[in-house]
């Protein structure tokens, strides 16, 4: 008993469709990871900026280390939490190049903080919301 040519092709077409769908899914998930990383960087910038605005110090702080970070398991908005070791710099709060500003030498009173920030991001309108900010 022989099968017509079209009937043999059906399983092959189904297999090709399944494989092509699997190949399409992989790059999308990697793209989301890259997008999350870029959102994390802007969220980190927002957290540091907020810390400096709320600080009563005339000098700016910037992260010395990112101790830990994670994306919260919520669907809307994207929420990132991070523990940062913040250290006082030689620059005043609102100078331009805080990213490259050197840290103050020596260990002065309150020159280093360990802070936990939780920040929500609405990327389509470039809006951030600080949910939690605790420093010790």
N, C-alpha and C. Protein backbone atom coordinates (compact mmCIF):
# COMPACT_ATOMS: atom_id res chain seq x y z
N UNK A 1 0.84 -1.16 0.00
CA UNK A 1 0.00 0.00 0.00
C UNK A 1 0.90 1.24 0.00
N UNK A 2 0.79 2.05 -0.98
CA UNK A 2 1.64 3.23 -1.08
C UNK A 2 0.84 4.48 -0.73
N UNK A 3 1.56 5.49 -0.15
CA UNK A 3 0.93 6.77 0.22
C UNK A 3 1.15 7.77 -0.89
N UNK A 4 0.17 8.60 -1.15
CA UNK A 4 0.37 9.68 -2.10
C UNK A 4 1.46 10.63 -1.58
N UNK A 5 2.13 11.34 -2.48
CA UNK A 5 3.27 12.21 -2.14
C UNK A 5 2.89 13.26 -1.09
N UNK A 6 1.72 13.82 -1.14
CA UNK A 6 1.31 14.88 -0.20
C UNK A 6 1.20 14.40 1.23
N UNK A 7 0.81 13.14 1.46
CA UNK A 7 0.65 12.61 2.81
C UNK A 7 1.99 12.42 3.50
N UNK A 8 3.08 12.08 2.78
CA UNK A 8 4.40 11.92 3.39
C UNK A 8 4.96 13.29 3.79
N UNK A 9 4.59 14.32 3.09
CA UNK A 9 5.15 15.64 3.36
C UNK A 9 4.54 16.25 4.62
N UNK A 10 3.35 15.86 5.03
CA UNK A 10 2.69 16.47 6.18
C UNK A 10 3.51 16.36 7.47
N UNK A 11 4.05 15.18 7.84
CA UNK A 11 4.86 15.13 9.07
C UNK A 11 6.13 15.99 8.95
N UNK A 12 6.71 16.07 7.79
CA UNK A 12 7.93 16.86 7.61
C UNK A 12 7.63 18.35 7.76
N UNK A 13 6.51 18.79 7.20
CA UNK A 13 6.12 20.20 7.31
C UNK A 13 5.84 20.54 8.77
N UNK A 14 5.16 19.67 9.48
CA UNK A 14 4.87 19.90 10.90
C UNK A 14 6.16 20.00 11.69
N UNK A 15 7.11 19.11 11.41
CA UNK A 15 8.40 19.13 12.10
C UNK A 15 9.14 20.44 11.81
N UNK A 16 9.16 20.87 10.56
CA UNK A 16 9.82 22.13 10.20
C UNK A 16 9.16 23.32 10.90
N UNK A 17 7.84 23.33 10.97
CA UNK A 17 7.15 24.42 11.65
C UNK A 17 7.50 24.46 13.13
N UNK A 18 7.53 23.30 13.76
CA UNK A 18 7.88 23.25 15.18
C UNK A 18 9.32 23.71 15.42
N UNK A 19 10.25 23.28 14.59
CA UNK A 19 11.64 23.68 14.74
C UNK A 19 11.83 25.17 14.48
N UNK A 20 11.17 25.69 13.48
CA UNK A 20 11.32 27.12 13.19
C UNK A 20 10.71 27.96 14.31
N UNK A 21 9.62 27.50 14.91
CA UNK A 21 9.04 28.23 16.03
C UNK A 21 10.00 28.25 17.22
N UNK A 22 10.65 27.11 17.49
CA UNK A 22 11.61 27.03 18.59
C UNK A 22 12.79 27.96 18.34
N UNK A 23 13.26 28.06 17.11
CA UNK A 23 14.38 28.95 16.80
C UNK A 23 13.98 30.41 16.94
N UNK A 24 12.73 30.74 16.66
CA UNK A 24 12.27 32.12 16.82
C UNK A 24 12.15 32.51 18.28
N UNK A 25 11.80 31.59 19.16
CA UNK A 25 11.60 31.89 20.57
C UNK A 25 12.93 32.22 21.25
N UNK A 26 14.00 31.56 20.92
CA UNK A 26 15.27 31.73 21.60
C UNK A 26 15.82 33.15 21.51
N UNK A 27 15.92 33.77 20.34
CA UNK A 27 16.45 35.13 20.30
C UNK A 27 15.58 36.14 21.02
N UNK A 28 14.27 35.93 21.07
CA UNK A 28 13.40 36.87 21.75
C UNK A 28 13.70 36.87 23.25
N UNK A 29 13.90 35.69 23.84
CA UNK A 29 14.19 35.64 25.27
C UNK A 29 15.54 36.27 25.56
N UNK A 30 16.51 36.10 24.68
CA UNK A 30 17.82 36.74 24.88
C UNK A 30 17.69 38.25 24.71
N UNK A 31 16.83 38.68 23.82
CA UNK A 31 16.61 40.12 23.65
C UNK A 31 16.01 40.71 24.92
N UNK A 32 15.09 39.99 25.56
CA UNK A 32 14.51 40.47 26.81
C UNK A 32 15.55 40.58 27.90
N UNK A 33 16.51 39.63 27.95
CA UNK A 33 17.58 39.70 28.93
C UNK A 33 18.43 40.95 28.70
N UNK A 34 18.74 41.25 27.43
CA UNK A 34 19.52 42.44 27.12
C UNK A 34 18.74 43.69 27.49
N UNK A 35 17.42 43.68 27.23
CA UNK A 35 16.58 44.82 27.55
C UNK A 35 16.55 45.01 29.07
N UNK A 36 16.45 43.92 29.83
CA UNK A 36 16.45 44.00 31.29
C UNK A 36 17.76 44.60 31.79
N UNK A 37 18.88 44.22 31.17
CA UNK A 37 20.17 44.77 31.58
C UNK A 37 20.24 46.27 31.33
N UNK A 38 19.74 46.71 30.19
CA UNK A 38 19.78 48.15 29.91
C UNK A 38 18.82 48.88 30.85
N UNK A 39 17.67 48.30 31.17
CA UNK A 39 16.77 48.90 32.14
C UNK A 39 17.41 48.94 33.52
N UNK A 40 18.15 47.90 33.86
CA UNK A 40 18.81 47.88 35.16
C UNK A 40 19.81 49.03 35.28
N UNK A 41 20.57 49.29 34.23
CA UNK A 41 21.55 50.37 34.28
C UNK A 41 20.88 51.73 34.48
N UNK A 42 19.79 51.98 33.78
CA UNK A 42 19.10 53.26 33.97
C UNK A 42 18.45 53.32 35.35
N UNK A 43 17.99 52.18 35.86
CA UNK A 43 17.40 52.12 37.19
C UNK A 43 18.47 52.39 38.25
N UNK A 44 19.66 51.85 38.04
CA UNK A 44 20.78 52.10 38.94
C UNK A 44 21.12 53.60 38.95
N UNK A 45 21.17 54.21 37.78
CA UNK A 45 21.42 55.65 37.68
C UNK A 45 20.36 56.44 38.45
N UNK A 46 19.11 56.06 38.29
CA UNK A 46 18.02 56.74 39.00
C UNK A 46 18.19 56.61 40.51
N UNK A 47 18.52 55.41 40.99
CA UNK A 47 18.69 55.18 42.43
C UNK A 47 19.81 56.05 43.00
N UNK A 48 20.94 56.11 42.29
CA UNK A 48 22.08 56.92 42.75
C UNK A 48 21.72 58.41 42.74
N UNK A 49 21.05 58.85 41.68
CA UNK A 49 20.63 60.25 41.59
C UNK A 49 19.69 60.60 42.74
N UNK A 50 18.73 59.74 43.03
CA UNK A 50 17.79 59.96 44.12
C UNK A 50 18.51 60.00 45.46
N UNK A 51 19.47 59.09 45.66
CA UNK A 51 20.25 59.08 46.89
C UNK A 51 20.97 60.42 47.07
N UNK A 52 21.60 60.91 46.02
CA UNK A 52 22.32 62.18 46.11
C UNK A 52 21.38 63.36 46.35
N UNK A 53 20.21 63.34 45.75
CA UNK A 53 19.26 64.43 45.97
C UNK A 53 18.78 64.46 47.41
N UNK A 54 18.54 63.30 47.99
CA UNK A 54 18.01 63.24 49.36
C UNK A 54 19.10 63.42 50.42
N UNK A 55 20.33 63.23 50.04
CA UNK A 55 21.44 63.36 50.99
C UNK A 55 21.64 64.82 51.38
N UNK A 56 21.98 65.05 52.64
CA UNK A 56 22.24 66.41 53.12
C UNK A 56 23.72 66.77 52.97
N UNK A 57 24.50 65.86 52.44
CA UNK A 57 25.94 66.07 52.23
C UNK A 57 26.14 66.96 51.00
N UNK A 58 27.19 67.77 51.01
CA UNK A 58 27.47 68.61 49.83
C UNK A 58 28.20 67.81 48.75
N UNK A 59 28.78 66.67 49.14
CA UNK A 59 29.51 65.83 48.18
C UNK A 59 28.59 64.75 47.63
N UNK A 60 28.87 64.35 46.42
CA UNK A 60 28.08 63.31 45.75
C UNK A 60 28.60 61.94 46.15
N UNK A 61 27.73 60.98 46.08
CA UNK A 61 28.07 59.58 46.31
C UNK A 61 27.86 58.84 44.99
N UNK A 62 28.62 57.77 44.84
CA UNK A 62 28.40 56.87 43.70
C UNK A 62 28.68 55.45 44.15
N UNK A 63 28.18 54.48 43.43
CA UNK A 63 28.38 53.09 43.87
C UNK A 63 29.85 52.68 43.75
N UNK A 64 30.35 52.11 44.81
CA UNK A 64 31.68 51.50 44.76
C UNK A 64 31.54 50.06 44.30
N UNK A 65 30.49 49.40 44.77
CA UNK A 65 30.20 48.01 44.38
C UNK A 65 28.70 47.79 44.30
N UNK A 66 28.30 46.95 43.36
CA UNK A 66 26.94 46.42 43.36
C UNK A 66 27.05 45.10 44.10
N UNK A 67 26.53 45.06 45.32
CA UNK A 67 26.67 43.87 46.15
C UNK A 67 25.75 42.75 45.68
N UNK A 68 24.54 43.11 45.29
CA UNK A 68 23.61 42.14 44.72
C UNK A 68 22.52 42.90 43.98
N UNK A 69 21.90 42.22 43.05
CA UNK A 69 20.79 42.82 42.30
C UNK A 69 19.91 41.71 41.77
N UNK A 70 18.63 42.02 41.63
CA UNK A 70 17.70 41.05 41.09
C UNK A 70 16.48 41.77 40.54
N UNK A 71 15.82 41.09 39.62
CA UNK A 71 14.56 41.60 39.07
C UNK A 71 13.44 40.94 39.85
N UNK A 72 12.55 41.77 40.39
CA UNK A 72 11.42 41.24 41.16
C UNK A 72 10.48 40.48 40.24
N UNK A 73 9.79 39.50 40.78
CA UNK A 73 8.90 38.66 39.97
C UNK A 73 7.50 39.27 39.93
N UNK A 74 7.40 40.40 39.25
CA UNK A 74 6.11 41.04 39.00
C UNK A 74 6.04 41.32 37.51
N UNK A 75 4.84 41.32 36.99
CA UNK A 75 4.67 41.53 35.55
C UNK A 75 4.65 43.00 35.16
N UNK A 76 4.16 43.84 36.05
CA UNK A 76 3.97 45.24 35.67
C UNK A 76 4.12 46.09 36.90
N UNK A 77 4.91 47.07 36.96
CA UNK A 77 5.96 47.43 36.00
C UNK A 77 7.17 46.54 36.21
N UNK A 78 8.27 46.77 35.48
CA UNK A 78 9.51 46.07 35.76
C UNK A 78 10.06 46.65 37.06
N UNK A 79 10.41 45.78 38.00
CA UNK A 79 10.90 46.23 39.30
C UNK A 79 12.25 45.58 39.57
N UNK A 80 13.23 46.41 39.87
CA UNK A 80 14.56 45.94 40.18
C UNK A 80 14.90 46.29 41.62
N UNK A 81 15.57 45.38 42.31
CA UNK A 81 16.10 45.64 43.64
C UNK A 81 17.61 45.48 43.57
N UNK A 82 18.30 46.29 44.36
CA UNK A 82 19.77 46.23 44.34
C UNK A 82 20.32 46.66 45.69
N UNK A 83 21.38 45.99 46.10
CA UNK A 83 22.14 46.40 47.29
C UNK A 83 23.44 46.99 46.78
N UNK A 84 23.69 48.25 47.15
CA UNK A 84 24.85 48.97 46.66
C UNK A 84 25.71 49.43 47.82
N UNK A 85 27.01 49.41 47.60
CA UNK A 85 27.94 50.05 48.54
C UNK A 85 28.22 51.42 47.96
N UNK A 86 27.66 52.46 48.61
CA UNK A 86 27.79 53.83 48.14
C UNK A 86 28.94 54.50 48.89
N UNK A 87 29.74 55.26 48.14
CA UNK A 87 30.90 55.91 48.75
C UNK A 87 30.97 57.37 48.30
N UNK A 88 31.40 58.22 49.22
CA UNK A 88 31.50 59.66 48.95
C UNK A 88 32.63 59.93 47.96
N UNK A 89 32.35 60.86 47.03
CA UNK A 89 33.35 61.25 46.03
C UNK A 89 33.94 62.61 46.39
N UNK A 90 34.89 63.06 45.62
CA UNK A 90 35.48 64.39 45.79
C UNK A 90 34.65 65.48 45.12
N UNK A 91 33.67 65.10 44.34
CA UNK A 91 32.87 66.05 43.57
C UNK A 91 31.64 66.50 44.37
N UNK A 92 31.20 67.70 44.08
CA UNK A 92 29.96 68.22 44.67
C UNK A 92 28.78 67.51 44.01
N UNK A 93 27.65 67.58 44.65
CA UNK A 93 26.47 66.82 44.21
C UNK A 93 26.11 66.97 42.75
N UNK A 94 26.08 68.18 42.24
CA UNK A 94 25.51 68.38 40.92
C UNK A 94 26.55 68.69 39.85
N UNK A 95 27.76 68.20 40.05
CA UNK A 95 28.77 68.32 39.00
C UNK A 95 28.48 67.31 37.92
N UNK A 96 29.04 67.52 36.75
CA UNK A 96 28.71 66.71 35.58
C UNK A 96 29.20 65.27 35.65
N UNK A 97 30.47 65.05 35.73
CA UNK A 97 31.04 63.71 35.52
C UNK A 97 31.18 62.93 36.82
N UNK A 98 30.06 62.62 37.47
CA UNK A 98 30.12 61.87 38.72
C UNK A 98 30.56 60.43 38.50
N UNK A 99 30.33 59.90 37.30
CA UNK A 99 30.72 58.52 37.02
C UNK A 99 32.22 58.31 37.11
N UNK A 100 32.98 59.33 36.80
CA UNK A 100 34.44 59.20 36.81
C UNK A 100 35.08 59.95 37.97
N UNK A 101 34.29 60.58 38.79
CA UNK A 101 34.81 61.35 39.92
C UNK A 101 35.47 60.40 40.92
N UNK A 102 36.68 60.72 41.36
CA UNK A 102 37.38 59.81 42.29
C UNK A 102 36.74 59.81 43.68
N UNK A 103 36.87 58.70 44.37
CA UNK A 103 36.39 58.60 45.73
C UNK A 103 37.29 59.39 46.66
N UNK A 104 36.72 59.86 47.77
CA UNK A 104 37.53 60.53 48.78
C UNK A 104 38.44 59.49 49.43
N UNK A 105 39.64 59.92 49.76
CA UNK A 105 40.58 59.01 50.44
C UNK A 105 40.32 59.09 51.94
N UNK A 106 40.63 58.01 52.62
CA UNK A 106 40.40 57.97 54.05
C UNK A 106 38.98 57.54 54.35
N UNK A 107 38.78 57.19 55.59
CA UNK A 107 37.45 56.74 56.00
C UNK A 107 36.88 57.75 56.99
N UNK A 108 36.17 58.72 56.44
CA UNK A 108 35.53 59.73 57.24
C UNK A 108 34.19 59.21 57.73
N UNK A 109 33.67 59.88 58.74
CA UNK A 109 32.36 59.53 59.26
C UNK A 109 31.32 59.63 58.13
N UNK A 110 30.53 58.61 57.95
CA UNK A 110 29.47 58.56 56.94
C UNK A 110 29.98 58.68 55.51
N UNK A 111 31.16 58.19 55.22
CA UNK A 111 31.64 58.26 53.84
C UNK A 111 31.24 57.03 53.03
N UNK A 112 30.72 56.00 53.69
CA UNK A 112 30.30 54.77 53.01
C UNK A 112 28.96 54.31 53.57
N UNK A 113 28.06 53.92 52.69
CA UNK A 113 26.75 53.40 53.08
C UNK A 113 26.50 52.10 52.31
N UNK A 114 25.78 51.19 52.94
CA UNK A 114 25.22 50.02 52.25
C UNK A 114 23.73 50.31 52.11
N UNK A 115 23.25 50.36 50.87
CA UNK A 115 21.86 50.76 50.62
C UNK A 115 21.11 49.69 49.83
N UNK A 116 19.85 49.55 50.16
CA UNK A 116 18.93 48.70 49.40
C UNK A 116 17.94 49.62 48.71
N UNK A 117 17.87 49.49 47.39
CA UNK A 117 16.92 50.26 46.59
C UNK A 117 16.00 49.28 45.89
N UNK A 118 14.72 49.62 45.83
CA UNK A 118 13.76 48.90 44.99
C UNK A 118 13.07 49.95 44.13
N UNK A 119 13.22 49.79 42.81
CA UNK A 119 12.76 50.80 41.86
C UNK A 119 11.92 50.15 40.78
N UNK A 120 10.78 50.78 40.50
CA UNK A 120 9.92 50.36 39.39
C UNK A 120 10.21 51.23 38.19
N UNK A 121 10.13 50.63 37.00
CA UNK A 121 10.39 51.38 35.77
C UNK A 121 9.25 51.15 34.79
N UNK A 122 8.78 52.26 34.23
CA UNK A 122 7.78 52.24 33.16
C UNK A 122 8.51 52.68 31.90
N UNK A 123 9.11 51.78 31.14
CA UNK A 123 10.01 52.17 30.05
C UNK A 123 9.35 52.92 28.91
N UNK A 124 8.08 52.67 28.65
CA UNK A 124 7.44 53.31 27.50
C UNK A 124 7.21 54.81 27.73
N UNK A 125 7.25 55.25 29.01
CA UNK A 125 7.12 56.68 29.28
C UNK A 125 8.34 57.21 30.04
N UNK A 126 9.38 56.39 30.16
CA UNK A 126 10.62 56.73 30.84
C UNK A 126 10.34 57.32 32.22
N UNK A 127 9.63 56.56 33.03
CA UNK A 127 9.29 57.00 34.38
C UNK A 127 9.77 55.97 35.38
N UNK A 128 10.32 56.44 36.50
CA UNK A 128 10.81 55.58 37.56
C UNK A 128 10.04 55.89 38.83
N UNK A 129 9.91 54.88 39.69
CA UNK A 129 9.27 55.08 40.97
C UNK A 129 10.10 54.35 42.03
N UNK A 130 10.52 55.10 43.05
CA UNK A 130 11.30 54.51 44.14
C UNK A 130 10.34 53.90 45.15
N UNK A 131 10.38 52.58 45.30
CA UNK A 131 9.51 51.90 46.24
C UNK A 131 10.16 51.74 47.60
N UNK A 132 11.48 51.55 47.60
CA UNK A 132 12.18 51.31 48.87
C UNK A 132 13.57 51.90 48.80
N UNK A 133 14.00 52.50 49.92
CA UNK A 133 15.34 53.10 49.99
C UNK A 133 15.77 53.03 51.45
N UNK A 134 16.66 52.10 51.76
CA UNK A 134 17.15 51.93 53.13
C UNK A 134 18.66 51.89 53.10
N UNK A 135 19.28 52.68 53.95
CA UNK A 135 20.75 52.71 54.02
C UNK A 135 21.20 52.53 55.46
N UNK A 136 22.37 51.95 55.60
CA UNK A 136 22.97 51.81 56.94
C UNK A 136 24.46 52.11 56.84
